[in-house]
């Protein structure tokens, strides 16, 4: 789940996003409406500071 600011920072344009009509329950117990979801998986590199010890995550993400 990404916020609007992060989506803008990742340069995910409207071409890469599609509407989504679902609601999700967050870890803090709030219900949020999903605005859009990515059409394709987004690749996120975790621990990019140490190049030999990192993890790549491929996931479709939603924007709240």
N, C-alpha and C. Protein backbone atom coordinates (compact mmCIF):
# COMPACT_ATOMS: atom_id res chain seq x y z
N UNK A 1 0.84 -1.15 0.00
CA UNK A 1 0.00 0.00 0.00
C UNK A 1 0.90 1.24 0.00
N UNK A 2 0.66 2.12 -0.93
CA UNK A 2 1.45 3.34 -1.04
C UNK A 2 0.54 4.55 -0.90
N UNK A 3 1.10 5.60 -0.38
CA UNK A 3 0.39 6.87 -0.32
C UNK A 3 0.61 7.66 -1.59
N UNK A 4 -0.17 8.70 -1.77
CA UNK A 4 -0.11 9.52 -2.98
C UNK A 4 1.27 10.15 -3.19
N UNK A 5 1.93 10.59 -2.12
CA UNK A 5 3.24 11.22 -2.22
C UNK A 5 4.28 10.25 -2.76
N UNK A 6 4.27 9.03 -2.27
CA UNK A 6 5.24 8.03 -2.74
C UNK A 6 4.98 7.67 -4.20
N UNK A 7 3.72 7.57 -4.59
CA UNK A 7 3.38 7.26 -5.98
C UNK A 7 3.93 8.34 -6.90
N UNK A 8 3.80 9.60 -6.50
CA UNK A 8 4.34 10.69 -7.31
C UNK A 8 5.86 10.62 -7.36
N UNK A 9 6.50 10.26 -6.23
CA UNK A 9 7.95 10.13 -6.19
C UNK A 9 8.46 9.00 -7.06
N UNK A 10 7.69 7.92 -7.18
CA UNK A 10 8.07 6.79 -8.04
C UNK A 10 7.71 7.03 -9.50
N UNK A 11 7.06 8.15 -9.76
CA UNK A 11 6.64 8.54 -11.12
C UNK A 11 5.70 7.50 -11.74
N UNK A 12 4.78 6.98 -10.94
CA UNK A 12 3.76 6.08 -11.45
C UNK A 12 2.65 6.94 -12.04
N UNK A 13 2.59 7.00 -13.35
CA UNK A 13 1.62 7.87 -14.01
C UNK A 13 0.27 7.16 -14.13
N UNK A 14 -0.73 7.90 -14.56
CA UNK A 14 -2.07 7.32 -14.74
C UNK A 14 -2.08 6.19 -15.76
N UNK A 15 -1.12 6.17 -16.67
CA UNK A 15 -1.03 5.11 -17.66
C UNK A 15 -0.71 3.79 -16.96
N UNK A 16 0.04 3.82 -15.87
CA UNK A 16 0.45 2.63 -15.16
C UNK A 16 -0.52 2.22 -14.05
N UNK A 17 -1.55 3.03 -13.83
CA UNK A 17 -2.50 2.77 -12.75
C UNK A 17 -3.90 2.55 -13.31
N UNK A 18 -4.69 1.76 -12.60
CA UNK A 18 -6.08 1.56 -13.00
C UNK A 18 -6.97 1.67 -11.77
N UNK A 19 -8.22 2.08 -11.96
CA UNK A 19 -9.13 2.24 -10.83
C UNK A 19 -9.34 0.93 -10.08
N UNK A 20 -9.60 1.04 -8.79
CA UNK A 20 -9.84 -0.13 -7.95
C UNK A 20 -10.95 0.23 -6.97
N UNK A 21 -11.95 -0.63 -6.82
CA UNK A 21 -13.11 -0.28 -6.00
C UNK A 21 -13.14 -1.02 -4.66
N UNK A 22 -12.03 -1.55 -4.19
CA UNK A 22 -12.02 -2.32 -2.96
C UNK A 22 -11.67 -1.46 -1.75
N UNK A 23 -11.98 -1.97 -0.58
CA UNK A 23 -11.56 -1.36 0.66
C UNK A 23 -10.65 -2.35 1.37
N UNK A 24 -9.67 -1.84 2.11
CA UNK A 24 -8.77 -2.71 2.86
C UNK A 24 -8.81 -2.35 4.33
N UNK A 25 -8.45 -3.30 5.16
CA UNK A 25 -8.34 -3.07 6.59
C UNK A 25 -6.85 -2.97 6.90
N UNK A 26 -6.42 -1.83 7.46
CA UNK A 26 -5.00 -1.60 7.73
C UNK A 26 -4.60 -2.27 9.04
N UNK A 27 -3.30 -2.31 9.29
CA UNK A 27 -2.78 -2.91 10.52
C UNK A 27 -3.24 -2.18 11.78
N UNK A 28 -3.53 -0.91 11.65
CA UNK A 28 -3.98 -0.14 12.81
C UNK A 28 -5.50 -0.21 12.98
N UNK A 29 -6.16 -1.04 12.19
CA UNK A 29 -7.59 -1.26 12.35
C UNK A 29 -8.50 -0.31 11.62
N UNK A 30 -7.94 0.54 10.76
CA UNK A 30 -8.77 1.47 9.99
C UNK A 30 -9.13 0.84 8.65
N UNK A 31 -10.26 1.22 8.13
CA UNK A 31 -10.68 0.78 6.81
C UNK A 31 -10.42 1.92 5.83
N UNK A 32 -9.74 1.62 4.74
CA UNK A 32 -9.42 2.65 3.74
C UNK A 32 -9.88 2.20 2.36
N UNK A 33 -10.39 3.15 1.60
CA UNK A 33 -10.79 2.88 0.23
C UNK A 33 -9.57 2.98 -0.67
N UNK A 34 -9.40 2.00 -1.52
CA UNK A 34 -8.29 2.01 -2.47
C UNK A 34 -8.69 2.84 -3.68
N UNK A 35 -7.86 3.79 -4.06
CA UNK A 35 -8.16 4.63 -5.22
C UNK A 35 -7.75 3.94 -6.52
N UNK A 36 -6.52 3.47 -6.57
CA UNK A 36 -6.02 2.82 -7.79
C UNK A 36 -5.07 1.69 -7.42
N UNK A 37 -4.83 0.81 -8.39
CA UNK A 37 -3.88 -0.29 -8.24
C UNK A 37 -2.98 -0.27 -9.48
N UNK A 38 -1.74 -0.71 -9.33
CA UNK A 38 -0.83 -0.73 -10.49
C UNK A 38 -1.27 -1.82 -11.47
N UNK A 39 -1.14 -1.54 -12.75
CA UNK A 39 -1.49 -2.53 -13.78
C UNK A 39 -0.49 -3.67 -13.79
N UNK A 40 0.76 -3.37 -13.52
CA UNK A 40 1.83 -4.37 -13.54
C UNK A 40 2.55 -4.34 -12.20
N UNK A 41 3.34 -5.35 -11.95
CA UNK A 41 4.10 -5.41 -10.71
C UNK A 41 5.13 -4.29 -10.66
N UNK A 42 5.37 -3.79 -9.46
CA UNK A 42 6.40 -2.80 -9.20
C UNK A 42 7.55 -3.52 -8.53
N UNK A 43 8.78 -3.25 -8.97
CA UNK A 43 9.95 -3.88 -8.37
C UNK A 43 10.52 -2.94 -7.32
N UNK A 44 10.63 -3.45 -6.10
CA UNK A 44 11.15 -2.65 -5.00
C UNK A 44 12.41 -3.34 -4.48
N UNK A 45 13.51 -2.61 -4.43
CA UNK A 45 14.76 -3.15 -3.93
C UNK A 45 14.93 -2.75 -2.47
N UNK A 46 15.06 -3.75 -1.61
CA UNK A 46 15.21 -3.53 -0.18
C UNK A 46 16.68 -3.64 0.19
N UNK A 47 17.17 -2.74 1.02
CA UNK A 47 18.57 -2.69 1.46
C UNK A 47 19.50 -2.41 0.27
N UNK A 48 19.24 -1.33 -0.44
CA UNK A 48 20.06 -0.98 -1.61
C UNK A 48 21.41 -0.39 -1.22
N UNK A 49 21.63 -0.13 0.05
CA UNK A 49 22.89 0.47 0.49
C UNK A 49 24.04 -0.53 0.37
N UNK A 50 23.78 -1.79 0.68
CA UNK A 50 24.79 -2.85 0.57
C UNK A 50 24.45 -3.68 -0.67
N UNK A 51 25.11 -3.44 -1.81
CA UNK A 51 24.72 -4.06 -3.08
C UNK A 51 24.72 -5.60 -3.08
N UNK A 52 25.54 -6.24 -2.26
CA UNK A 52 25.57 -7.70 -2.29
C UNK A 52 24.57 -8.34 -1.33
N UNK A 53 23.90 -7.54 -0.53
CA UNK A 53 22.94 -8.05 0.45
C UNK A 53 21.62 -7.30 0.31
N UNK A 54 20.89 -7.58 -0.76
CA UNK A 54 19.61 -6.90 -0.96
C UNK A 54 18.55 -7.90 -1.41
N UNK A 55 17.31 -7.49 -1.35
CA UNK A 55 16.18 -8.31 -1.75
C UNK A 55 15.35 -7.53 -2.75
N UNK A 56 14.89 -8.21 -3.80
CA UNK A 56 14.00 -7.60 -4.77
C UNK A 56 12.58 -8.12 -4.52
N UNK A 57 11.62 -7.22 -4.39
CA UNK A 57 10.23 -7.59 -4.18
C UNK A 57 9.44 -7.15 -5.40
N UNK A 58 8.68 -8.08 -5.96
CA UNK A 58 7.80 -7.78 -7.09
C UNK A 58 6.37 -7.85 -6.59
N UNK A 59 5.62 -6.75 -6.67
CA UNK A 59 4.26 -6.76 -6.14
C UNK A 59 3.40 -5.72 -6.85
N UNK A 60 2.11 -6.03 -6.98
CA UNK A 60 1.16 -5.00 -7.40
C UNK A 60 0.86 -4.18 -6.16
N UNK A 61 0.82 -2.89 -6.30
CA UNK A 61 0.60 -2.03 -5.14
C UNK A 61 -0.69 -1.22 -5.32
N UNK A 62 -1.27 -0.87 -4.20
CA UNK A 62 -2.47 -0.05 -4.20
C UNK A 62 -2.16 1.32 -3.64
N UNK A 63 -2.92 2.30 -4.06
CA UNK A 63 -2.75 3.67 -3.61
C UNK A 63 -3.98 4.06 -2.81
N UNK A 64 -3.75 4.58 -1.60
CA UNK A 64 -4.88 4.99 -0.77
C UNK A 64 -4.93 6.49 -0.67
